[in-house]
Amino acid sequence: MSGVIPILKKPKVEQAEEGSRGGGGGEVGDEETTVEEQESALVALIEHRTHEVEHLRKRIYYYTSQLGEAEQKLEKTKTQLARLRRDARPHKISLENDGKNVKPENSSTSSLLVNGSSSRNQTQSRTELVIPAANPKVSQPLKSGGSGMRDSIRSSAQTSSSTQSDIVRKVNAEKPGRIHSDSDVVENQDKGRKRKLEQRDHKELIPMVCRSSSPHSIYCHANNHISSQHKRKLRSLALCPVNDQLFVTSALDGLVNLWQLQGNGSSASLLSSTECISPKTRRWAEDIAWHPLGDSLVATYTADKGDSQIAIIHLNKTHGKSRVTFLQDKPHIKGIVNGITFMPWGDPCFVTGGSDHAVVVWNGDAENSWKPKKLHRDLHSSAVMGIAGMQQKQIVLSAGADKRIIGFDIQAGRVEFRNQVDSKCMSVLPNPCDFNLYMVQTGTPEKQLRLFDVRLRQTEIHTFGFKQESSDSQSALINQGWSSDGWYLSSGSVDPVIHIFDIRYNGHRPSQSIRAHQKRVFKAEFHYSRPLMISISSDLQIGLHKI
């Protein structure tokens, strides 16, 4: 928006106001003209003041985000200085233990003791720096205002950047010409396993759905695009659940690329590229998902011609083994295995849904030893397009092209609920904060996104959608994503835009649409700990959008 704001001519407004007060005797036509002029002047004044409010609001958003980044850089520099000073000291520290002085055995132990004693006093007013470098995706406290998501992301990012080991890792990653080893790419399993012990906090968001007459906008103040390094159209995008710097992309060229964010998310570097073509039909990965420990990926393929249906992609050192392992079990009987997702409960297990109408759960009892078990094959009369697991109960949601939504209770071994909608379903996605809320993508134009409360079974609580300019067809390749605070939905589009929906808004259109690429956008994913959104497009570009 231009810095110079047009101002209405005051005499015209005063003339309209004087005419409205009715000073006496003119012609009827003159009075009507005066009213019309007054009305047009007031409408113009309202437009001017509306633009002024929006301009000031965007400036507030921008400077708030700049303040957050400056605070992070300040804390980062302070920690680096403290670390430098601590490492430069002679390691001659003794501690009193049961009346005796005990000297540390080596310099690393000395460093730990310094961190545990003198640094603790310096950081007493702040959160202690005991968070591991791999940042689990844990929901942050929410605020009901429009800045809830922004504050949540900023708070999480500040906490993440305060960690000493994380800061060192980031600084090293930003050094030019640095060669990344496998140990740098993915955190070890001990750190990743901590995520399994941490439980998400349930937040009641459903009472606020569809309660606001105006949406809360997200200010996107910077866009950057990098080449995806793929030769054919992208298919999937997935963020690492335990390391907030890593994400992967897959494409029709059969490659799975591992990326690391640089700086504050303004760029990303390619760490590795793995060919994951299926052995028989030479197909690309249809869908990919991170293992909860963050050290491997699982990819789906096709059940046709006896091809392998599941592949495990190892990201750590494989000690002479192949980087890609194809599982021998083939529970799906035909067609594409459309989706894969890990369940949010207990020991790691994932679920697949296929064109053969089947939903299959895979349990692992050892490394790379996954055994399939059919949940159901006859509850859907067409392809299963989307699958997900509910957090509060072991219920697997499946959405099909037969317009059905099925909730299957694994423990009871029976259907918990059925729902029939008026259009084919293409994906299902639970809310990360409110465990009773989930979204279903359907094929109805301008009503693509439906919100449901799992407790109300067949009741739809709100509907969103967008108008497509390029095509009327609804694509199952267009995917959605939740913001970390659960208030916003992002959606790709057959148009080169990202649609953002505020679930508190009682309207049915996007709260905003961001022109982000040159061609269709397949997915736009909110980062769970950074003020960042990552997108992929058929223009072979990866978009990094600061919010």
Protein backbone atom coordinates (compact mmCIF):
# COMPACT_ATOMS: atom_id res chain seq x y z
CA MET A 1 0.00 0.00 0.00
CA SER A 2 1.31 3.47 -0.85
CA GLY A 3 2.57 5.58 2.01
CA VAL A 4 0.57 8.61 0.71
CA ILE A 5 -3.12 8.21 1.58
CA PRO A 6 -5.63 10.22 -0.49
CA ILE A 7 -7.64 12.65 1.64
CA LEU A 8 -11.19 13.68 0.79
CA LYS A 9 -11.89 17.25 -0.11
CA LYS A 10 -13.33 18.77 3.04
CA PRO A 11 -15.58 21.36 1.36
CA LYS A 12 -17.46 18.60 -0.46
CA VAL A 13 -18.11 16.70 2.77
CA GLU A 14 -19.17 19.90 4.56
CA GLN A 15 -21.51 20.71 1.72
CA ALA A 16 -23.07 17.26 1.99
CA GLU A 17 -23.45 17.64 5.75
CA GLU A 18 -25.04 21.09 5.40
CA GLY A 19 -27.47 19.71 2.86
CA SER A 20 -28.43 16.87 5.19
CA ARG A 21 -29.23 19.38 7.95
CA GLY A 22 -31.81 20.90 5.59
CA GLY A 23 -31.32 24.63 5.42
CA GLY A 24 -34.53 25.50 3.64
CA GLY A 25 -35.81 26.24 0.29
CA GLY A 26 -34.26 24.63 -2.74
CA GLU A 27 -35.71 22.60 -5.52
CA VAL A 28 -36.54 18.94 -4.94
CA GLY A 29 -33.96 17.94 -7.52
CA ASP A 30 -31.29 19.98 -5.70
CA GLU A 31 -32.10 18.24 -2.41
CA GLU A 32 -31.78 14.80 -4.05
CA THR A 33 -28.48 15.78 -5.62
CA THR A 34 -27.20 16.99 -2.27
CA VAL A 35 -28.14 13.71 -0.59
CA GLU A 36 -26.44 11.72 -3.32
CA GLU A 37 -23.27 13.80 -3.02
CA GLN A 38 -23.30 13.39 0.74
CA GLU A 39 -23.74 9.64 0.45
CA SER A 40 -20.91 9.26 -2.08
CA ALA A 41 -18.64 11.42 0.07
CA LEU A 42 -19.33 9.34 3.18
CA VAL A 43 -18.79 6.10 1.26
CA ALA A 44 -15.46 7.41 0.02
CA LEU A 45 -14.55 8.48 3.54
CA ILE A 46 -15.36 5.02 4.87
CA GLU A 47 -13.22 3.38 2.18
CA HIS A 48 -10.34 5.74 2.98
CA ARG A 49 -10.51 5.04 6.72
CA THR A 50 -10.87 1.30 6.11
CA HIS A 51 -7.68 1.31 4.05
CA GLU A 52 -5.97 3.37 6.73
CA VAL A 53 -6.93 0.86 9.45
CA GLU A 54 -5.74 -2.08 7.34
CA HIS A 55 -2.48 -0.30 6.59
CA LEU A 56 -1.79 0.37 10.26
CA ARG A 57 -2.75 -3.17 11.18
CA LYS A 58 -0.27 -4.59 8.67
CA ARG A 59 2.43 -2.34 10.04
CA ILE A 60 1.71 -3.65 13.56
CA TYR A 61 1.96 -7.25 12.32
CA TYR A 62 5.22 -6.49 10.52
CA TYR A 63 6.97 -4.74 13.41
CA THR A 64 5.74 -7.38 15.87
CA SER A 65 7.36 -10.12 13.79
CA GLN A 66 10.52 -8.01 13.39
CA LEU A 67 10.65 -7.57 17.16
CA GLY A 68 10.38 -11.33 17.64
CA GLU A 69 13.23 -12.00 15.23
CA ALA A 70 15.40 -9.31 16.84
CA GLU A 71 14.79 -10.80 20.29
CA GLN A 72 15.77 -14.24 19.03
CA LYS A 73 19.00 -12.90 17.49
CA LEU A 74 19.82 -11.06 20.72
CA GLU A 75 19.35 -14.18 22.84
CA LYS A 76 21.35 -16.21 20.33
CA THR A 77 24.28 -13.78 20.48
CA LYS A 78 24.20 -13.60 24.29
CA THR A 79 24.33 -17.36 24.53
CA GLN A 80 27.22 -17.57 22.07
CA LEU A 81 29.16 -14.99 24.13
CA ALA A 82 28.48 -16.87 27.36
CA ARG A 83 29.58 -20.12 25.75
CA LEU A 84 32.75 -18.53 24.38
CA ARG A 85 33.68 -17.11 27.77
CA ARG A 86 32.93 -20.39 29.52
CA ASP A 87 35.07 -22.41 27.09
CA ALA A 88 37.94 -19.94 27.47
CA ARG A 89 38.13 -20.36 31.26
CA PRO A 90 40.61 -22.82 32.81
CA HIS A 91 38.68 -25.94 33.73
CA LYS A 92 39.66 -25.92 37.40
CA ILE A 93 36.34 -26.18 39.17
CA SER A 94 35.70 -28.06 42.35
CA LEU A 95 32.37 -28.80 43.95
CA GLU A 96 31.63 -29.63 47.51
CA ASN A 97 30.11 -33.10 47.77
CA ASP A 98 29.43 -34.55 51.22
CA GLY A 99 32.11 -32.31 52.73
CA LYS A 100 34.69 -33.26 50.05
CA ASN A 101 35.93 -31.39 47.00
CA VAL A 102 35.41 -33.32 43.80
CA LYS A 103 37.15 -32.16 40.62
CA PRO A 104 35.59 -32.82 37.23
CA GLU A 105 37.32 -35.54 35.26
CA ASN A 106 37.38 -33.80 31.90
CA SER A 107 36.58 -30.56 30.17
CA SER A 108 33.13 -31.67 29.01
CA THR A 109 32.14 -32.52 32.58
CA SER A 110 33.49 -29.16 33.69
CA SER A 111 31.40 -27.42 31.07
CA LEU A 112 28.31 -29.21 32.31
CA LEU A 113 29.04 -28.21 35.91
CA VAL A 114 29.47 -24.58 34.94
CA ASN A 115 26.18 -24.70 33.09
CA GLY A 116 24.52 -26.24 36.10
CA SER A 117 25.80 -23.74 38.68
CA SER A 118 26.85 -20.26 37.58
CA SER A 119 24.68 -20.11 34.45
CA ARG A 120 21.65 -21.20 36.42
CA ASN A 121 21.83 -18.00 38.47
CA GLN A 122 22.08 -15.90 35.33
CA THR A 123 19.01 -17.49 33.74
CA GLN A 124 16.88 -17.70 36.87
CA SER A 125 14.36 -15.21 35.53
CA ARG A 126 13.92 -17.19 32.29
CA THR A 127 13.10 -20.73 31.34
CA GLU A 128 16.10 -22.96 32.00
CA LEU A 129 17.94 -24.13 28.91
CA VAL A 130 17.18 -27.82 29.19
CA ILE A 131 15.18 -28.36 25.99
CA PRO A 132 16.78 -30.88 23.59
CA ALA A 133 17.95 -29.71 20.19
CA ALA A 134 15.29 -31.75 18.42
CA ASN A 135 12.10 -29.83 19.05
CA PRO A 136 9.01 -32.02 19.43
CA LYS A 137 5.80 -30.76 17.90
CA VAL A 138 3.91 -29.88 21.07
CA SER A 139 0.94 -27.56 21.15
CA GLN A 140 1.55 -24.14 22.70
CA PRO A 141 -0.88 -22.18 24.91
CA LEU A 142 -3.55 -20.48 22.85
CA LYS A 143 -5.06 -17.03 22.88
CA SER A 144 -8.53 -16.32 21.61
CA GLY A 145 -7.52 -13.11 19.88
CA GLY A 146 -6.45 -12.78 16.27
CA SER A 147 -2.78 -12.85 17.21
CA GLY A 148 -3.08 -16.22 18.93
CA MET A 149 -1.31 -18.19 16.25
CA ARG A 150 1.39 -15.56 15.82
CA ASP A 151 2.12 -15.38 19.57
CA SER A 152 2.10 -19.15 19.85
CA ILE A 153 4.55 -19.58 16.99
CA ARG A 154 6.78 -16.77 18.28
CA SER A 155 6.85 -18.16 21.81
CA SER A 156 7.77 -21.60 20.54
CA ALA A 157 10.43 -20.20 18.24
CA GLN A 158 11.99 -18.18 21.09
CA THR A 159 12.09 -21.22 23.35
CA SER A 160 13.62 -23.28 20.54
CA SER A 161 16.31 -20.75 19.74
CA SER A 162 17.29 -20.42 23.41
CA THR A 163 18.64 -23.96 23.54
CA GLN A 164 22.42 -24.00 23.55
CA SER A 165 22.86 -27.14 21.49
CA ASP A 166 20.24 -25.98 19.01
CA ILE A 167 21.98 -22.63 18.60
CA VAL A 168 25.33 -24.27 17.93
CA ARG A 169 23.71 -26.56 15.38
CA LYS A 170 22.08 -23.60 13.62
CA VAL A 171 25.28 -21.53 13.58
CA ASN A 172 27.24 -24.43 12.10
CA ALA A 173 24.54 -25.03 9.49
CA GLU A 174 24.79 -21.42 8.34
CA LYS A 175 28.53 -21.55 7.73
CA PRO A 176 29.24 -21.54 3.97
CA GLY A 177 30.71 -24.65 2.44
CA ARG A 178 29.86 -26.87 5.39
CA ILE A 179 29.49 -30.56 4.58
CA HIS A 180 26.57 -32.23 6.35
CA SER A 181 27.09 -35.71 7.71
CA ASP A 182 24.35 -38.20 8.48
CA SER A 183 24.66 -37.43 12.18
CA ASP A 184 23.95 -33.75 11.40
CA VAL A 185 20.92 -34.56 9.26
CA VAL A 186 18.78 -36.39 11.80
CA GLU A 187 18.83 -36.43 15.60
CA ASN A 188 19.58 -39.75 17.28
CA GLN A 189 16.82 -42.06 18.43
CA ASP A 190 17.28 -41.32 22.14
CA LYS A 191 16.38 -37.69 21.60
CA GLY A 192 13.56 -38.53 19.24
CA ARG A 193 12.08 -41.08 21.63
CA LYS A 194 11.37 -38.33 24.18
CA ARG A 195 8.55 -37.12 21.96
CA LYS A 196 6.61 -40.32 22.59
CA LEU A 197 6.45 -39.58 26.33
CA GLU A 198 5.10 -36.06 25.90
CA GLN A 199 1.36 -35.63 25.62
CA ARG A 200 -0.43 -32.88 23.78
CA ASP A 201 -2.75 -30.60 25.73
CA HIS A 202 -6.38 -30.57 24.65
CA LYS A 203 -7.77 -27.09 23.93
CA GLU A 204 -11.46 -26.32 23.51
CA LEU A 205 -11.67 -24.58 20.14
CA ILE A 206 -15.06 -25.81 18.92
CA PRO A 207 -17.09 -23.27 21.00
CA MET A 208 -15.32 -20.49 19.05
CA VAL A 209 -15.94 -21.96 15.59
CA CYS A 210 -18.09 -19.70 13.40
CA ARG A 211 -18.49 -17.09 16.17
CA SER A 212 -16.72 -14.11 14.62
CA SER A 213 -18.25 -11.81 11.99
CA SER A 214 -14.81 -10.89 10.63
CA PRO A 215 -11.73 -13.06 10.08
CA HIS A 216 -8.34 -12.57 11.71
CA SER A 217 -5.80 -12.12 8.94
CA ILE A 218 -2.25 -13.42 8.83
CA TYR A 219 0.30 -10.93 7.59
CA CYS A 220 2.73 -12.54 5.16
CA HIS A 221 5.60 -10.05 4.97
CA ALA A 222 8.21 -12.00 3.00
CA ASN A 223 8.17 -14.61 0.24
CA ASN A 224 11.13 -16.55 -1.08
CA HIS A 225 11.25 -19.32 -3.67
CA ILE A 226 13.93 -21.94 -4.20
CA SER A 227 14.25 -24.64 -6.82
CA SER A 228 12.93 -27.99 -5.63
CA GLN A 229 15.73 -29.82 -7.51
CA HIS A 230 13.03 -32.16 -8.88
CA LYS A 231 12.67 -32.73 -12.62
CA ARG A 232 8.97 -33.59 -12.54
CA LYS A 233 5.95 -32.35 -10.61
CA LEU A 234 6.07 -32.46 -6.83
CA ARG A 235 3.77 -34.82 -4.99
CA SER A 236 4.38 -34.58 -1.21
CA LEU A 237 5.70 -32.26 1.49
CA ALA A 238 6.31 -33.35 5.11
CA LEU A 239 7.93 -31.61 8.11
CA CYS A 240 10.16 -33.54 10.50
CA PRO A 241 8.28 -34.10 13.80
CA VAL A 242 11.37 -33.81 16.06
CA ASN A 243 13.75 -31.46 14.23
CA ASP A 244 12.22 -28.14 13.24
CA GLN A 245 14.91 -27.48 10.61
CA LEU A 246 14.18 -30.50 8.40
CA PHE A 247 11.52 -31.25 5.80
CA VAL A 248 11.23 -33.54 2.78
CA THR A 249 9.70 -33.32 -0.66
CA SER A 250 8.87 -36.06 -3.16
CA ALA A 251 7.98 -35.88 -6.84
CA LEU A 252 7.07 -37.89 -9.91
CA ASP A 253 10.76 -38.28 -10.74
CA GLY A 254 10.98 -40.85 -7.91
CA LEU A 255 13.31 -38.75 -5.75
CA VAL A 256 12.84 -37.87 -2.10
CA ASN A 257 14.78 -34.73 -1.20
CA LEU A 258 15.77 -33.87 2.37
CA TRP A 259 15.99 -30.14 3.14
CA GLN A 260 17.33 -28.05 6.00
CA LEU A 261 16.03 -24.55 6.73
CA GLN A 262 18.66 -21.84 6.89
CA GLY A 263 18.68 -18.71 9.04
CA ASN A 264 15.18 -17.73 10.10
CA GLY A 265 13.56 -19.72 7.32
CA SER A 266 14.46 -17.37 4.49
CA SER A 267 16.15 -20.20 2.58
CA ALA A 268 16.79 -23.94 2.64
CA SER A 269 19.67 -26.16 1.57
CA LEU A 270 19.42 -29.62 0.02
CA LEU A 271 21.03 -32.20 2.31
CA SER A 272 20.41 -35.39 0.35
CA SER A 273 18.46 -36.83 -2.55
CA THR A 274 17.34 -40.47 -2.50
CA GLU A 275 15.91 -42.43 -5.42
CA CYS A 276 12.82 -44.31 -4.23
CA ILE A 277 11.47 -45.89 -7.42
CA SER A 278 9.48 -49.10 -6.80
CA PRO A 279 11.28 -52.24 -8.04
CA LYS A 280 8.70 -53.64 -10.50
CA THR A 281 6.48 -50.92 -11.95
CA ARG A 282 9.12 -48.19 -11.42
CA ARG A 283 6.61 -45.90 -9.74
CA TRP A 284 7.20 -42.87 -7.54
CA ALA A 285 6.09 -42.60 -3.92
CA GLU A 286 2.39 -41.74 -3.76
CA ASP A 287 2.55 -40.44 -0.19
CA ILE A 288 5.22 -40.13 2.51
CA ALA A 289 5.19 -39.81 6.31
CA TRP A 290 7.88 -39.26 8.94
CA HIS A 291 8.50 -41.88 11.58
CA PRO A 292 7.72 -40.30 15.02
CA LEU A 293 11.42 -40.63 15.94
CA GLY A 294 12.37 -38.56 12.90
CA ASP A 295 15.10 -40.94 11.69
CA SER A 296 13.26 -42.47 8.73
CA LEU A 297 10.39 -42.04 6.28
CA VAL A 298 7.67 -44.41 5.15
CA ALA A 299 6.34 -44.21 1.57
CA THR A 300 3.38 -45.84 -0.23
CA TYR A 301 3.19 -47.15 -3.79
CA THR A 302 0.76 -49.37 -5.70
CA ALA A 303 -0.71 -52.86 -5.34
CA ASP A 304 -0.85 -53.54 -9.08
CA LYS A 305 1.38 -56.14 -10.80
CA GLY A 306 2.65 -57.48 -7.50
CA ASP A 307 4.74 -54.40 -6.82
CA SER A 308 6.01 -53.44 -3.36
CA GLN A 309 3.48 -51.37 -1.47
CA ILE A 310 5.56 -49.85 1.35
CA ALA A 311 9.16 -48.57 1.49
CA ILE A 312 11.24 -47.51 4.49
CA ILE A 313 13.69 -44.68 3.70
CA HIS A 314 16.57 -44.52 6.18
CA LEU A 315 18.01 -41.09 6.91
CA ASN A 316 20.77 -42.08 9.34
CA LYS A 317 23.85 -44.14 8.53
CA THR A 318 22.83 -47.54 7.25
CA HIS A 319 26.15 -49.38 7.92
CA GLY A 320 26.40 -50.85 4.43
CA LYS A 321 22.67 -51.55 4.08
CA SER A 322 20.48 -50.09 1.36
CA ARG A 323 19.10 -46.64 2.11
CA VAL A 324 15.65 -47.77 0.88
CA THR A 325 14.01 -50.98 2.12
CA PHE A 326 10.84 -52.33 0.47
CA LEU A 327 8.58 -54.41 2.75
CA GLN A 328 7.61 -57.89 1.60
CA ASP A 329 4.00 -57.84 2.90
CA LYS A 330 1.36 -56.74 0.36
CA PRO A 331 -2.03 -56.48 2.11
CA HIS A 332 -3.70 -54.23 -0.49
CA ILE A 333 -5.01 -56.21 -3.45
CA LYS A 334 -5.23 -53.62 -6.25
CA GLY A 335 -4.82 -50.00 -7.19
CA ILE A 336 -2.87 -47.18 -5.59
CA VAL A 337 -2.16 -47.00 -1.86
CA ASN A 338 -3.41 -43.44 -1.58
CA GLY A 339 -2.41 -42.35 1.90
CA ILE A 340 -0.26 -43.11 4.92
CA THR A 341 -0.12 -41.58 8.40
CA PHE A 342 1.30 -42.51 11.80
CA MET A 343 -1.16 -42.85 14.65
CA PRO A 344 -0.81 -40.41 17.59
CA TRP A 345 -0.94 -43.02 20.37
CA GLY A 346 1.22 -45.72 21.99
CA ASP A 347 4.03 -47.48 20.16
CA PRO A 348 4.66 -46.31 16.59
CA CYS A 349 2.20 -47.72 14.06
CA PHE A 350 0.91 -46.36 10.77
CA VAL A 351 -2.23 -46.82 8.74
CA THR A 352 -2.66 -46.98 4.96
CA GLY A 353 -5.76 -46.55 2.81
CA GLY A 354 -6.05 -47.82 -0.72
CA SER A 355 -8.05 -47.89 -3.92
CA ASP A 356 -9.13 -51.44 -2.97
CA HIS A 357 -11.45 -49.90 -0.31
CA ALA A 358 -9.22 -51.25 2.46
CA VAL A 359 -7.78 -49.66 5.60
CA VAL A 360 -4.70 -51.45 6.99
CA VAL A 361 -2.78 -50.86 10.23
CA TRP A 362 0.96 -51.67 10.34
CA ASN A 363 2.53 -52.48 13.72
CA GLY A 364 6.28 -52.63 14.28
CA ASP A 365 7.86 -55.01 16.79
CA ALA A 366 11.48 -54.37 15.75
CA GLU A 367 13.46 -52.06 13.49
CA ASN A 368 12.01 -52.16 9.97
CA SER A 369 9.80 -55.10 10.97
CA TRP A 370 6.29 -53.95 10.19
CA LYS A 371 3.37 -56.37 10.08
CA PRO A 372 0.06 -55.41 8.45
CA LYS A 373 -3.39 -56.11 9.86
CA LYS A 374 -6.56 -55.37 7.92
CA LEU A 375 -8.99 -53.13 9.82
CA HIS A 376 -11.76 -53.26 7.22
CA ARG A 377 -12.24 -53.70 3.48
CA ASP A 378 -16.02 -53.64 3.03
CA LEU A 379 -17.07 -50.48 4.89
CA HIS A 380 -16.23 -48.31 1.88
CA SER A 381 -17.63 -48.99 -1.57
CA SER A 382 -14.95 -46.97 -3.34
CA ALA A 383 -11.33 -45.85 -2.90
CA VAL A 384 -10.19 -44.73 0.54
CA MET A 385 -8.66 -41.32 -0.12
CA GLY A 386 -7.78 -40.05 3.37
CA ILE A 387 -6.96 -41.56 6.77
CA ALA A 388 -6.14 -40.15 10.22
CA GLY A 389 -6.04 -41.11 13.90
CA MET A 390 -7.89 -39.32 16.70
CA GLN A 391 -5.77 -38.32 19.69
CA GLN A 392 -8.08 -39.02 22.64
CA LYS A 393 -9.22 -42.50 21.58
CA GLN A 394 -7.86 -45.19 19.28
CA ILE A 395 -10.21 -44.34 16.43
CA VAL A 396 -9.06 -44.42 12.80
CA LEU A 397 -10.90 -42.00 10.52
CA SER A 398 -11.19 -42.91 6.85
CA ALA A 399 -12.70 -40.74 4.11
CA GLY A 400 -13.63 -42.25 0.76
CA ALA A 401 -14.65 -41.39 -2.76
CA ASP A 402 -17.97 -43.08 -1.88
CA LYS A 403 -18.85 -39.93 0.17
CA ARG A 404 -18.48 -41.85 3.45
CA ILE A 405 -16.58 -40.97 6.61
CA ILE A 406 -15.93 -43.97 8.87
CA GLY A 407 -14.69 -43.89 12.45
CA PHE A 408 -13.29 -47.33 13.40
CA ASP A 409 -12.45 -48.21 17.01
CA ILE A 410 -9.29 -50.36 16.95
CA GLN A 411 -9.58 -51.60 20.52
CA ALA A 412 -13.23 -52.61 20.19
CA GLY A 413 -12.75 -53.88 16.63
CA ARG A 414 -15.94 -52.23 15.40
CA VAL A 415 -17.31 -49.12 13.71
CA GLU A 416 -17.70 -46.22 16.14
CA PHE A 417 -19.68 -44.03 13.74
CA ARG A 418 -20.59 -43.52 10.07
CA ASN A 419 -21.21 -40.29 8.22
CA GLN A 420 -22.50 -39.74 4.70
CA VAL A 421 -21.93 -36.41 2.94
CA ASP A 422 -23.12 -35.07 -0.41
CA SER A 423 -19.79 -35.26 -2.26
CA LYS A 424 -16.74 -37.48 -2.56
CA CYS A 425 -14.18 -37.13 0.24
CA MET A 426 -10.51 -36.69 -0.62
CA SER A 427 -8.74 -36.22 2.72
CA VAL A 428 -9.29 -35.98 6.49
CA LEU A 429 -7.18 -34.00 8.97
CA PRO A 430 -7.65 -33.77 12.77
CA ASN A 431 -7.10 -30.47 14.56
CA PRO A 432 -3.78 -30.40 16.47
CA CYS A 433 -5.27 -28.77 19.59
CA ASP A 434 -8.95 -29.67 19.88
CA PHE A 435 -9.04 -33.48 19.82
CA ASN A 436 -12.76 -33.55 18.94
CA LEU A 437 -12.42 -31.39 15.83
CA TYR A 438 -11.47 -32.64 12.37
CA MET A 439 -11.64 -31.41 8.80
CA VAL A 440 -12.74 -33.31 5.69
CA GLN A 441 -11.92 -32.18 2.16
CA THR A 442 -14.76 -32.81 -0.28
CA GLY A 443 -15.32 -32.36 -4.00
CA THR A 444 -18.06 -29.71 -3.80
CA PRO A 445 -16.95 -26.43 -5.40
CA GLU A 446 -16.86 -23.53 -2.91
CA LYS A 447 -17.61 -26.02 -0.11
CA GLN A 448 -14.40 -27.98 -0.17
CA LEU A 449 -13.62 -27.95 3.56
CA ARG A 450 -16.04 -29.30 6.17
CA LEU A 451 -15.54 -29.15 9.95
CA PHE A 452 -16.94 -31.90 12.18
CA ASP A 453 -17.16 -32.60 15.91
CA VAL A 454 -16.45 -36.29 16.51
CA ARG A 455 -18.97 -36.27 19.39
CA LEU A 456 -21.81 -35.06 17.16
CA ARG A 457 -21.28 -37.87 14.62
CA GLN A 458 -23.09 -36.75 11.47
CA THR A 459 -23.40 -33.02 12.29
CA GLU A 460 -21.38 -30.59 10.23
CA ILE A 461 -20.42 -27.54 12.31
CA HIS A 462 -19.04 -25.29 9.58
CA THR A 463 -18.14 -25.22 5.87
CA PHE A 464 -15.44 -23.31 3.98
CA GLY A 465 -14.57 -23.19 0.33
CA PHE A 466 -13.02 -21.27 -2.51
CA LYS A 467 -13.85 -20.51 -6.12
CA GLN A 468 -11.48 -21.91 -8.72
CA GLU A 469 -10.63 -19.86 -11.78
CA SER A 470 -8.42 -22.35 -13.65
CA SER A 471 -10.69 -25.38 -13.49
CA ASP A 472 -13.90 -26.69 -11.97
CA SER A 473 -12.45 -30.12 -11.22
CA GLN A 474 -11.52 -30.95 -7.64
CA SER A 475 -8.09 -32.54 -7.23
CA ALA A 476 -7.17 -35.02 -4.51
CA LEU A 477 -3.58 -33.78 -4.84
CA ILE A 478 -4.56 -30.44 -3.29
CA ASN A 479 -3.88 -30.83 0.44
CA GLN A 480 -4.61 -28.85 3.58
CA GLY A 481 -2.72 -28.11 6.80
CA TRP A 482 -3.53 -26.83 10.29
CA SER A 483 -1.67 -24.04 12.07
CA SER A 484 0.01 -25.07 15.32
CA ASP A 485 -2.58 -23.22 17.42
CA GLY A 486 -5.48 -24.86 15.57
CA TRP A 487 -7.21 -21.65 14.49
CA TYR A 488 -6.21 -21.58 10.82
CA LEU A 489 -6.40 -23.92 7.86
CA SER A 490 -4.20 -23.59 4.80
CA SER A 491 -5.14 -25.07 1.47
CA GLY A 492 -3.50 -25.44 -1.88
CA SER A 493 -5.43 -24.69 -5.05
CA VAL A 494 -5.50 -25.42 -8.76
CA ASP A 495 -4.84 -21.69 -9.02
CA PRO A 496 -1.40 -20.29 -8.05
CA VAL A 497 -2.63 -19.14 -4.63
CA ILE A 498 -2.67 -20.33 -1.03
CA HIS A 499 -6.03 -20.02 0.70
CA ILE A 500 -6.13 -19.32 4.44
CA PHE A 501 -9.25 -20.00 6.53
CA ASP A 502 -9.94 -18.73 10.05
CA ILE A 503 -12.27 -21.29 11.68
CA ARG A 504 -13.71 -18.56 13.97
CA TYR A 505 -15.03 -16.66 10.94
CA ASN A 506 -18.74 -17.23 10.25
CA GLY A 507 -18.28 -16.64 6.53
CA HIS A 508 -17.65 -19.39 4.01
CA ARG A 509 -14.90 -17.80 1.91
CA PRO A 510 -11.16 -17.73 2.65
CA SER A 511 -10.10 -15.14 5.19
CA GLN A 512 -7.30 -14.33 2.75
CA SER A 513 -5.65 -15.69 -0.40
CA ILE A 514 -1.92 -15.35 -1.00
CA ARG A 515 -0.57 -15.45 -4.54
CA ALA A 516 2.45 -17.64 -3.95
CA HIS A 517 3.46 -19.47 -7.17
CA GLN A 518 3.22 -19.43 -10.95
CA LYS A 519 1.17 -22.64 -11.19
CA ARG A 520 -1.11 -24.73 -8.99
CA VAL A 521 -0.20 -25.10 -5.33
CA PHE A 522 -0.29 -28.69 -4.09
CA LYS A 523 0.21 -27.98 -0.40
CA ALA A 524 1.00 -25.16 2.03
CA GLU A 525 2.10 -26.33 5.46
CA PHE A 526 2.28 -24.14 8.58
CA HIS A 527 5.54 -24.71 10.45
CA TYR A 528 4.84 -25.93 13.98
CA SER A 529 7.45 -23.80 15.79
CA ARG A 530 8.49 -21.02 13.40
CA PRO A 531 6.54 -18.08 11.93
CA LEU A 532 6.78 -19.73 8.54
CA MET A 533 4.66 -21.45 5.91
CA ILE A 534 6.20 -23.83 3.34
CA SER A 535 4.50 -24.60 0.01
CA ILE A 536 5.09 -26.78 -3.04
CA SER A 537 3.80 -26.20 -6.55
CA SER A 538 3.76 -27.68 -10.03
CA ASP A 539 6.07 -24.83 -11.04
CA LEU A 540 8.80 -27.00 -9.38
CA GLN A 541 9.45 -24.34 -6.74
CA ILE A 542 9.37 -24.51 -2.93
CA GLY A 543 7.86 -21.41 -1.35
CA LEU A 544 9.07 -20.08 2.03
CA HIS A 545 6.58 -17.54 3.40
CA LYS A 546 7.33 -15.60 6.59
CA ILE A 547 4.21 -14.83 8.60
